[in-house]
Every structure is written in structure tokens, then in C-alpha cells.
C-alpha atoms as a PDB file:
ATOM      1  CA  MET A   1      11.183  27.416  46.187  1.00  0.00           C
ATOM      2  CA  LEU A   2      13.020  25.276  48.742  1.00  0.00           C
ATOM      3  CA  ARG A   3      15.570  23.051  46.998  1.00  0.00           C
ATOM      4  CA  LEU A   4      17.315  20.128  48.617  1.00  0.00           C
ATOM      5  CA  PRO A   5      19.557  17.305  47.391  1.00  0.00           C
ATOM      6  CA  HIS A   6      17.932  13.886  47.432  1.00  0.00           C
ATOM      7  CA  GLU A   7      19.828  12.998  50.612  1.00  0.00           C
ATOM      8  CA  GLY A   8      18.084  15.841  52.427  1.00  0.00           C
ATOM      9  CA  LEU A   9      14.513  14.983  51.495  1.00  0.00           C
ATOM     10  CA  ALA A  10      13.848  12.615  54.394  1.00  0.00           C
ATOM     11  CA  GLN A  11      14.768  15.290  56.927  1.00  0.00           C
ATOM     12  CA  SER A  12      12.294  17.747  55.370  1.00  0.00           C
ATOM     13  CA  LEU A  13       9.184  15.539  55.260  1.00  0.00           C
ATOM     14  CA  ALA A  14       7.608  17.200  58.296  1.00  0.00           C
ATOM     15  CA  ARG A  15       8.022  20.704  56.885  1.00  0.00           C
ATOM     16  CA  GLU A  16       4.857  22.408  55.651  1.00  0.00           C
ATOM     17  CA  LEU A  17       5.041  24.258  52.356  1.00  0.00           C
ATOM     18  CA  THR A  18       4.130  27.903  52.167  1.00  0.00           C
ATOM     19  CA  GLU A  19       1.252  28.990  49.956  1.00  0.00           C
ATOM     20  CA  ARG A  20       3.698  30.276  47.357  1.00  0.00           C
ATOM     21  CA  GLU A  21       5.664  27.019  47.394  1.00  0.00           C
ATOM     22  CA  CYS A  22       2.433  25.060  46.927  1.00  0.00           C
ATOM     23  CA  ARG A  23       1.546  27.144  43.877  1.00  0.00           C
ATOM     24  CA  ASN A  24       4.999  26.654  42.391  1.00  0.00           C
ATOM     25  CA  ALA A  25       4.899  22.910  43.033  1.00  0.00           C
ATOM     26  CA  THR A  26       1.437  22.607  41.461  1.00  0.00           C
ATOM     27  CA  ARG A  27       2.611  24.529  38.405  1.00  0.00           C
ATOM     28  CA  LEU A  28       5.678  22.292  37.999  1.00  0.00           C
ATOM     29  CA  ILE A  29       3.633  19.119  38.383  1.00  0.00           C
ATOM     30  CA  ALA A  30       1.170  20.267  35.732  1.00  0.00           C
ATOM     31  CA  GLU A  31       3.941  21.179  33.301  1.00  0.00           C
ATOM     32  CA  ARG A  32       5.729  17.896  33.987  1.00  0.00           C
ATOM     33  CA  VAL A  33       2.582  15.900  33.174  1.00  0.00           C
ATOM     34  CA  ARG A  34       1.721  17.989  30.118  1.00  0.00           C
ATOM     35  CA  THR A  35       5.140  18.139  28.463  1.00  0.00           C
ATOM     36  CA  ARG A  36       6.904  15.036  29.855  1.00  0.00           C
ATOM     37  CA  ARG A  37      10.033  17.187  30.213  1.00  0.00           C
ATOM     38  CA  PRO A  38      12.393  15.860  32.872  1.00  0.00           C
ATOM     39  CA  LEU A  39      12.044  17.706  36.157  1.00  0.00           C
ATOM     40  CA  ALA A  40      15.718  18.679  35.994  1.00  0.00           C
ATOM     41  CA  TYR A  41      14.985  20.730  32.866  1.00  0.00           C
ATOM     42  CA  LEU A  42      12.003  22.420  34.495  1.00  0.00           C
ATOM     43  CA  LEU A  43      14.060  23.365  37.549  1.00  0.00           C
ATOM     44  CA  LYS A  44      17.231  24.024  35.533  1.00  0.00           C
ATOM     45  CA  GLU A  45      19.202  21.969  38.043  1.00  0.00           C
ATOM     46  CA  ALA A  46      20.255  18.421  38.909  1.00  0.00           C
ATOM     47  CA  TRP A  47      22.065  16.970  41.902  1.00  0.00           C
ATOM     48  CA  LEU A  48      24.854  14.425  42.206  1.00  0.00           C
ATOM     49  CA  GLY A  49      25.057  13.753  45.921  1.00  0.00           C
ATOM     50  CA  GLU A  50      25.386  17.117  47.654  1.00  0.00           C
ATOM     51  CA  HIS A  51      26.480  18.946  44.516  1.00  0.00           C
ATOM     52  CA  ARG A  52      24.066  20.941  42.376  1.00  0.00           C
ATOM     53  CA  PHE A  53      24.570  21.554  38.654  1.00  0.00           C
ATOM     54  CA  TYR A  54      22.823  23.744  36.125  1.00  0.00           C
ATOM     55  CA  VAL A  55      21.233  21.722  33.305  1.00  0.00           C
ATOM     56  CA  ASP A  56      18.940  22.323  30.357  1.00  0.00           C
ATOM     57  CA  GLU A  57      18.022  20.539  27.130  1.00  0.00           C
ATOM     58  CA  ARG A  58      21.532  20.981  25.742  1.00  0.00           C
ATOM     59  CA  VAL A  59      22.875  18.246  28.046  1.00  0.00           C
ATOM     60  CA  ILE A  60      21.878  14.889  29.410  1.00  0.00           C
ATOM     61  CA  VAL A  61      20.500  14.917  32.960  1.00  0.00           C
ATOM     62  CA  PRO A  62      23.452  13.992  35.249  1.00  0.00           C
ATOM     63  CA  ARG A  63      22.996  10.581  36.890  1.00  0.00           C
ATOM     64  CA  SER A  64      26.424   8.979  36.767  1.00  0.00           C
ATOM     65  CA  PHE A  65      27.405   6.159  39.114  1.00  0.00           C
ATOM     66  CA  ILE A  66      31.001   7.328  38.744  1.00  0.00           C
ATOM     67  CA  ALA A  67      30.016  10.236  40.999  1.00  0.00           C
ATOM     68  CA  GLU A  68      29.462   7.735  43.821  1.00  0.00           C
ATOM     69  CA  LEU A  69      33.002   6.396  43.429  1.00  0.00           C
ATOM     70  CA  LEU A  70      34.484   9.890  43.379  1.00  0.00           C
ATOM     71  CA  ARG A  71      32.993  10.669  46.794  1.00  0.00           C
ATOM     72  CA  ASP A  72      35.691   8.428  48.277  1.00  0.00           C
ATOM     73  CA  GLY A  73      38.384   9.477  45.814  1.00  0.00           C
ATOM     74  CA  LEU A  74      38.275   6.100  44.015  1.00  0.00           C
ATOM     75  CA  VAL A  75      39.739   4.340  47.037  1.00  0.00           C
ATOM     76  CA  PRO A  76      41.257   1.717  47.029  1.00  0.00           C
ATOM     77  CA  TRP A  77      42.149   1.908  43.333  1.00  0.00           C
ATOM     78  CA  VAL A  78      43.732   5.314  43.791  1.00  0.00           C
ATOM     79  CA  SER A  79      45.967   4.823  46.815  1.00  0.00           C
ATOM     80  CA  ARG A  80      47.807   8.162  46.650  1.00  0.00           C
ATOM     81  CA  PRO A  81      45.376  10.955  45.718  1.00  0.00           C
ATOM     82  CA  PRO A  82      48.063  13.714  45.697  1.00  0.00           C
ATOM     83  CA  GLU A  83      49.766  11.874  42.828  1.00  0.00           C
ATOM     84  CA  VAL A  84      46.729  12.348  40.595  1.00  0.00           C
ATOM     85  CA  ARG A  85      47.875  15.513  38.832  1.00  0.00           C
ATOM     86  CA  ARG A  86      46.260  15.215  35.386  1.00  0.00           C
ATOM     87  CA  ALA A  87      42.794  13.810  34.649  1.00  0.00           C
ATOM     88  CA  LEU A  88      40.505  13.573  31.644  1.00  0.00           C
ATOM     89  CA  ASP A  89      36.713  13.521  31.602  1.00  0.00           C
ATOM     90  CA  LEU A  90      35.434  12.197  28.274  1.00  0.00           C
ATOM     91  CA  CYS A  91      31.894  13.077  27.147  1.00  0.00           C
ATOM     92  CA  THR A  92      31.758  15.685  29.887  1.00  0.00           C
ATOM     93  CA  GLY A  93      28.292  17.018  29.042  1.00  0.00           C
ATOM     94  CA  SER A  94      27.346  19.447  31.820  1.00  0.00           C
ATOM     95  CA  GLY A  95      30.855  19.156  33.253  1.00  0.00           C
ATOM     96  CA  CYS A  96      29.628  17.500  36.433  1.00  0.00           C
ATOM     97  CA  LEU A  97      32.200  14.700  36.573  1.00  0.00           C
ATOM     98  CA  ALA A  98      35.043  17.058  35.681  1.00  0.00           C
ATOM     99  CA  ILE A  99      34.007  19.250  38.600  1.00  0.00           C
ATOM    100  CA  LEU A 100      33.734  16.274  40.949  1.00  0.00           C
ATOM    101  CA  LEU A 101      37.202  15.169  39.846  1.00  0.00           C
ATOM    102  CA  ALA A 102      38.594  18.582  40.714  1.00  0.00           C
ATOM    103  CA  LEU A 103      36.878  18.497  44.108  1.00  0.00           C
ATOM    104  CA  ALA A 104      38.010  14.934  44.889  1.00  0.00           C
ATOM    105  CA  PHE A 105      41.652  15.539  43.924  1.00  0.00           C
ATOM    106  CA  PRO A 106      42.692  19.038  45.020  1.00  0.00           C
ATOM    107  CA  ARG A 107      45.925  19.045  42.982  1.00  0.00           C
ATOM    108  CA  VAL A 108      44.500  17.712  39.744  1.00  0.00           C
ATOM    109  CA  MET A 109      44.200  19.601  36.466  1.00  0.00           C
ATOM    110  CA  VAL A 110      41.310  18.294  34.373  1.00  0.00           C
ATOM    111  CA  ASP A 111      40.638  18.268  30.641  1.00  0.00           C
ATOM    112  CA  ALA A 112      36.896  17.956  29.994  1.00  0.00           C
ATOM    113  CA  ALA A 113      36.097  16.874  26.428  1.00  0.00           C
ATOM    114  CA  ASP A 114      32.836  16.770  24.518  1.00  0.00           C
ATOM    115  CA  ILE A 115      31.896  16.885  20.845  1.00  0.00           C
ATOM    116  CA  SER A 116      28.873  19.116  21.504  1.00  0.00           C
ATOM    117  CA  ARG A 117      29.385  22.885  21.536  1.00  0.00           C
ATOM    118  CA  PRO A 118      26.035  23.460  23.302  1.00  0.00           C
ATOM    119  CA  ALA A 119      26.992  20.976  26.025  1.00  0.00           C
ATOM    120  CA  LEU A 120      30.318  22.726  26.569  1.00  0.00           C
ATOM    121  CA  SER A 121      28.454  26.018  27.040  1.00  0.00           C
ATOM    122  CA  VAL A 122      26.529  24.426  29.908  1.00  0.00           C
ATOM    123  CA  ALA A 123      29.747  22.992  31.337  1.00  0.00           C
ATOM    124  CA  ARG A 124      31.336  26.443  31.213  1.00  0.00           C
ATOM    125  CA  ARG A 125      28.454  27.844  33.248  1.00  0.00           C
ATOM    126  CA  ASN A 126      28.906  25.164  35.911  1.00  0.00           C
ATOM    127  CA  LEU A 127      32.644  25.797  36.051  1.00  0.00           C
ATOM    128  CA  ARG A 128      31.943  29.453  36.779  1.00  0.00           C
ATOM    129  CA  THR A 129      29.583  28.484  39.585  1.00  0.00           C
ATOM    130  CA  TYR A 130      32.224  26.283  41.207  1.00  0.00           C
ATOM    131  CA  ARG A 131      35.048  28.714  40.364  1.00  0.00           C
ATOM    132  CA  LEU A 132      37.077  25.931  38.777  1.00  0.00           C
ATOM    133  CA  GLY A 133      37.849  27.468  35.403  1.00  0.00           C
ATOM    134  CA  HIS A 134      41.530  27.668  36.349  1.00  0.00           C
ATOM    135  CA  ARG A 135      41.727  23.901  36.951  1.00  0.00           C
ATOM    136  CA  VAL A 136      39.295  22.465  34.382  1.00  0.00           C
ATOM    137  CA  LYS A 137      39.916  23.059  30.689  1.00  0.00           C
ATOM    138  CA  LEU A 138      37.065  22.463  28.253  1.00  0.00           C
ATOM    139  CA  VAL A 139      38.030  20.750  24.996  1.00  0.00           C
ATOM    140  CA  ARG A 140      35.786  20.225  21.988  1.00  0.00           C
ATOM    141  CA  GLY A 141      36.493  16.940  20.282  1.00  0.00           C
ATOM    142  CA  ASP A 142      35.328  13.431  19.468  1.00  0.00           C
ATOM    143  CA  LEU A 143      36.639  11.404  22.438  1.00  0.00           C
ATOM    144  CA  PHE A 144      40.468  11.630  22.324  1.00  0.00           C
ATOM    145  CA  ALA A 145      40.675  13.841  19.224  1.00  0.00           C
ATOM    146  CA  GLY A 146      43.144  16.679  19.752  1.00  0.00           C
ATOM    147  CA  LEU A 147      44.390  15.428  23.137  1.00  0.00           C
ATOM    148  CA  GLU A 148      48.003  14.632  23.937  1.00  0.00           C
ATOM    149  CA  PRO A 149      49.093  10.979  24.428  1.00  0.00           C
ATOM    150  CA  ALA A 150      50.584   9.646  27.686  1.00  0.00           C
ATOM    151  CA  ARG A 151      49.296  12.626  29.630  1.00  0.00           C
ATOM    152  CA  TYR A 152      46.765  11.470  32.215  1.00  0.00           C
ATOM    153  CA  ASP A 153      46.924   9.724  35.575  1.00  0.00           C
ATOM    154  CA  LEU A 154      43.164   9.169  35.482  1.00  0.00           C
ATOM    155  CA  ILE A 155      40.547   9.017  32.727  1.00  0.00           C
ATOM    156  CA  VAL A 156      36.833   8.858  33.473  1.00  0.00           C
ATOM    157  CA  ALA A 157      34.102   8.530  30.888  1.00  0.00           C
ATOM    158  CA  ASN A 158      30.326   8.319  30.921  1.00  0.00           C
ATOM    159  CA  PRO A 159      29.793   7.893  27.169  1.00  0.00           C
ATOM    160  CA  PRO A 160      26.554   7.122  25.309  1.00  0.00           C
ATOM    161  CA  TYR A 161      25.674   3.465  25.977  1.00  0.00           C
ATOM    162  CA  VAL A 162      22.031   2.912  24.978  1.00  0.00           C
ATOM    163  CA  GLY A 163      21.700   0.353  22.172  1.00  0.00           C
ATOM    164  CA  THR A 164      19.645   0.882  19.027  1.00  0.00           C
ATOM    165  CA  ALA A 165      16.730  -1.321  20.088  1.00  0.00           C
ATOM    166  CA  ALA A 166      16.638   0.225  23.560  1.00  0.00           C
ATOM    167  CA  MET A 167      16.657   3.718  22.055  1.00  0.00           C
ATOM    168  CA  ARG A 168      13.363   2.920  20.323  1.00  0.00           C
ATOM    169  CA  ARG A 169      11.806   1.895  23.645  1.00  0.00           C
ATOM    170  CA  LEU A 170      12.875   4.890  25.697  1.00  0.00           C
ATOM    171  CA  PRO A 171      10.046   6.729  27.481  1.00  0.00           C
ATOM    172  CA  PRO A 172       9.235  10.279  26.382  1.00  0.00           C
ATOM    173  CA  GLU A 173      11.291  11.832  29.190  1.00  0.00           C
ATOM    174  CA  TYR A 174      14.508  10.305  27.880  1.00  0.00           C
ATOM    175  CA  ARG A 175      13.679  11.309  24.329  1.00  0.00           C
ATOM    176  CA  ARG A 176      13.728  14.933  25.484  1.00  0.00           C
ATOM    177  CA  GLU A 177      17.442  14.531  26.240  1.00  0.00           C
ATOM    178  CA  PRO A 178      20.085  14.945  23.505  1.00  0.00           C
ATOM    179  CA  ARG A 179      20.198  11.779  21.412  1.00  0.00           C
ATOM    180  CA  LEU A 180      23.906  12.409  20.899  1.00  0.00           C
ATOM    181  CA  ALA A 181      24.466  11.797  24.617  1.00  0.00           C
ATOM    182  CA  LEU A 182      22.464   8.539  24.727  1.00  0.00           C
ATOM    183  CA  ASP A 183      22.898   6.599  21.483  1.00  0.00           C
ATOM    184  CA  GLY A 184      25.698   4.066  21.864  1.00  0.00           C
ATOM    185  CA  GLY A 185      25.225   2.352  18.503  1.00  0.00           C
ATOM    186  CA  GLN A 186      23.806  -1.044  17.641  1.00  0.00           C
ATOM    187  CA  ASP A 187      24.818  -2.804  20.873  1.00  0.00           C
ATOM    188  CA  GLY A 188      25.446   0.242  23.059  1.00  0.00           C
ATOM    189  CA  LEU A 189      29.218  -0.340  23.115  1.00  0.00           C
ATOM    190  CA  GLU A 190      30.420   1.784  20.186  1.00  0.00           C
ATOM    191  CA  PHE A 191      32.081   4.388  22.414  1.00  0.00           C
ATOM    192  CA  ALA A 192      33.291   1.951  25.057  1.00  0.00           C
ATOM    193  CA  ARG A 193      35.132  -0.006  22.345  1.00  0.00           C
ATOM    194  CA  ARG A 194      36.799   3.111  21.018  1.00  0.00           C
ATOM    195  CA  ILE A 195      37.892   4.133  24.494  1.00  0.00           C
ATOM    196  CA  LEU A 196      39.280   0.680  25.284  1.00  0.00           C
ATOM    197  CA  LEU A 197      41.198   0.388  22.030  1.00  0.00           C
ATOM    198  CA  VAL A 198      43.111   3.670  22.341  1.00  0.00           C
ATOM    199  CA  GLY A 199      42.863   4.582  26.026  1.00  0.00           C
ATOM    200  CA  ARG A 200      46.253   3.090  26.858  1.00  0.00           C
ATOM    201  CA  GLU A 201      47.958   5.676  24.661  1.00  0.00           C
ATOM    202  CA  PHE A 202      46.616   8.545  26.760  1.00  0.00           C
ATOM    203  CA  LEU A 203      47.428   7.195  30.217  1.00  0.00           C
ATOM    204  CA  ARG A 204      50.686   7.487  32.081  1.00  0.00           C
ATOM    205  CA  PRO A 205      52.230   4.334  33.576  1.00  0.00           C
ATOM    206  CA  ARG A 206      49.944   2.927  36.306  1.00  0.00           C
ATOM    207  CA  GLY A 207      47.195   5.262  35.133  1.00  0.00           C
ATOM    208  CA  LEU A 208      43.553   4.286  35.663  1.00  0.00           C
ATOM    209  CA  LEU A 209      40.577   4.174  33.292  1.00  0.00           C
ATOM    210  CA  VAL A 210      37.036   4.402  34.725  1.00  0.00           C
ATOM    211  CA  VAL A 211      34.074   3.978  32.342  1.00  0.00           C
ATOM    212  CA  GLU A 212      30.318   3.763  32.859  1.00  0.00           C
ATOM    213  CA  ILE A 213      28.439   1.445  30.492  1.00  0.00           C
ATOM    214  CA  GLY A 214      24.926   1.049  31.913  1.00  0.00           C
ATOM    215  CA  HIS A 215      23.772  -2.565  32.091  1.00  0.00           C
ATOM    216  CA  ASN A 216      26.105  -3.821  29.366  1.00  0.00           C
ATOM    217  CA  ARG A 217      28.546  -5.787  31.532  1.00  0.00           C
ATOM    218  CA  SER A 218      27.936  -9.243  30.035  1.00  0.00           C
ATOM    219  CA  ARG A 219      28.021  -7.868  26.491  1.00  0.00           C
ATOM    220  CA  LEU A 220      31.295  -6.053  27.145  1.00  0.00           C
ATOM    221  CA  GLU A 221      32.934  -9.079  28.749  1.00  0.00           C
ATOM    222  CA  ARG A 222      32.004 -11.192  25.737  1.00  0.00           C
ATOM    223  CA  ALA A 223      33.517  -8.571  23.422  1.00  0.00           C
ATOM    224  CA  PHE A 224      36.763  -8.349  25.446  1.00  0.00           C
ATOM    225  CA  PRO A 225      37.102 -11.744  27.183  1.00  0.00           C
ATOM    226  CA  ARG A 226      40.788 -11.302  28.032  1.00  0.00           C
ATOM    227  CA  LEU A 227      40.551  -7.985  29.820  1.00  0.00           C
ATOM    228  CA  PRO A 228      40.611  -8.185  33.657  1.00  0.00           C
ATOM    229  CA  PHE A 229      37.744  -5.768  34.262  1.00  0.00           C
ATOM    230  CA  ILE A 230      37.195  -4.549  37.812  1.00  0.00           C
ATOM    231  CA  TRP A 231      33.525  -3.899  38.620  1.00  0.00           C
ATOM    232  CA  PRO A 232      33.221  -1.730  41.751  1.00  0.00           C
ATOM    233  CA  GLU A 233      30.004  -1.703  43.715  1.00  0.00           C
ATOM    234  CA  THR A 234      27.638   1.219  43.152  1.00  0.00           C
ATOM    235  CA  SER A 235      24.024   1.761  44.154  1.00  0.00           C
ATOM    236  CA  ALA A 236      23.118  -0.155  40.968  1.00  0.00           C
ATOM    237  CA  GLY A 237      25.216  -3.197  41.899  1.00  0.00           C
ATOM    238  CA  TYR A 238      28.375  -4.486  40.240  1.00  0.00           C
ATOM    239  CA  ALA A 239      27.577  -4.069  36.560  1.00  0.00           C
ATOM    240  CA  CYS A 240      27.556  -0.412  35.520  1.00  0.00           C
ATOM    241  CA  VAL A 241      31.113   0.901  35.928  1.00  0.00           C
ATOM    242  CA  PHE A 242      34.418  -0.800  35.123  1.00  0.00           C
ATOM    243  CA  LEU A 243      38.009   0.035  35.979  1.00  0.00           C
ATOM    244  CA  LEU A 244      41.199  -0.967  34.186  1.00  0.00           C
ATOM    245  CA  SER A 245      44.794   0.020  34.717  1.00  0.00           C
ATOM    246  CA  ARG A 246      46.874   1.234  31.787  1.00  0.00           C
ATOM    247  CA  GLU A 247      48.944  -1.944  31.927  1.00  0.00           C
ATOM    248  CA  ASP A 248      45.823  -4.098  31.487  1.00  0.00           C
ATOM    249  CA  LEU A 249      44.460  -2.197  28.485  1.00  0.00           C
ATOM    250  CA  PRO A 250      44.964  -3.439  24.919  1.00  0.00           C
ATOM    251  CA  GLY A 251      47.935  -2.109  22.966  1.00  0.00           C
ATOM    252  CA  SER A 252      47.321   0.895  20.784  1.00  0.00           C
ATOM    253  CA  ALA A 253      45.051   0.342  17.816  1.00  0.00           C
ATOM    254  CA  LEU A 254      47.314   2.816  16.024  1.00  0.00           C
ATOM    255  CA  GLN A 255      50.407   0.626  16.246  1.00  0.00           C
END
């Protein structure tokens, strides 16, 4: 079956499908309607921009807005890409953001952490596909557990951020994804809080933290009114991803 990233669909509209492709498409549509499984699971693939990743039910379907920012190497917030030598991807899931980090910053070494063993197995498969196993290290742990302090120039995270009430209203497709990768606690900010309260300890001076939080901007700003959040523009507007420098993060909760 012909497979194209979303950006290539418009250019293929005039193409006629072969008889075999029509049969395959009809079969996929029928299974999609019958099972309500996300199409990414049926195809065993998902795209972030021009990059394809293997996915199955062990991981959330990749759809991070951080990927959009990595296309330009986080300019202007990262002014000297060669100086980004160590990076951390929290809640790595399929490993997609860790891989995009490695592609965006050719000198960087990445630690990719996740609490889920099954998710890390999927990430390992994607690392083999991109031949990045020598630059991306998979780490099993709950957020920063087991990682070394003051190590990273850049930390990115796309943690669970769906609140309890919203979890109950999710359509069937989302309920086929791992709950562990979606459930962000009562207000959706459980993991964002934990990252904010200890993130400073794991960044080097002038290091940068980048976190995706869905549509929780106003709730987060009320919870941390003194933090000078930067909200870069993505295709979803100015509310889904925030940036903070190490110097603007709260002091260690461990002090």
C-alpha cells in the first residue's frame, strides 16, 4: 500500500489506486469502523512531519507539538545548536521525540526515559530503524528517577496531561491507547508539577526545559503564577507547549 506523510497527501489526490490498494483500503476502513482502533495501530505506523515511526498498542500515538518546534531546532531559544550536547526526553513512549532531538542536534547524546517496559521496546525498534542506538540511550524510570543531576542542556517532555473528568469523556479511539500515557491526574497537571519542581536540578546552567501540556495553559499559570512561561506558537496556537530556562525554574524541591 502507498504510504505518505500528511504533508504529501495533497500532491497525491489525482493518483488512482490500484485494485489491490482499493481492497486494502476497504479492509482497513471496515476494521477501523468495527473496532474503533486508531488507524496508526492498524497500519503499525505514525508520522511526525516527514518522519515515520513504528507504533502499536504499547505506546500512545505520536502527535506532539514539540515535534514542530524541533523542525527548526528550537530557534530562537536555542541560539547555538552545536552547544546542545546532552538532552533528555521524558515519557519517551515510542521514542519519537528522542529521535527528532538526535536529528535536530547532530552532536547531542540523548537519554530517553519512560516507566513502561513495553513502550521502551517500541522505542528500541524505532532506534534501530533510524540507526541511532549509539546516540540515544533508553532508560526505564519514573520521570527523573535514576538520572544524574545537572547533566542536560535540554529537557523535553510530553507527559500525560488529560484530567480525570476528561479521561471519562474520551472517545473509544483514545481509550485504546495506554491509559498510563494519557492520565495526568485530577487536573491533568500531576506530571507537569513534578517536572517543574525538580527540573532545575537536572539542567546545566542556561539549560532549557520544553514541556507539552495540552490545553492546560490557564490552569498551569494559576498554579505557578510567578514563573515566566514562554508559550511558542504551534499549529494549535500558543497554549500547548511551554519553555523555561533553568534560571527561571523553581529551586529544588529536595533542598
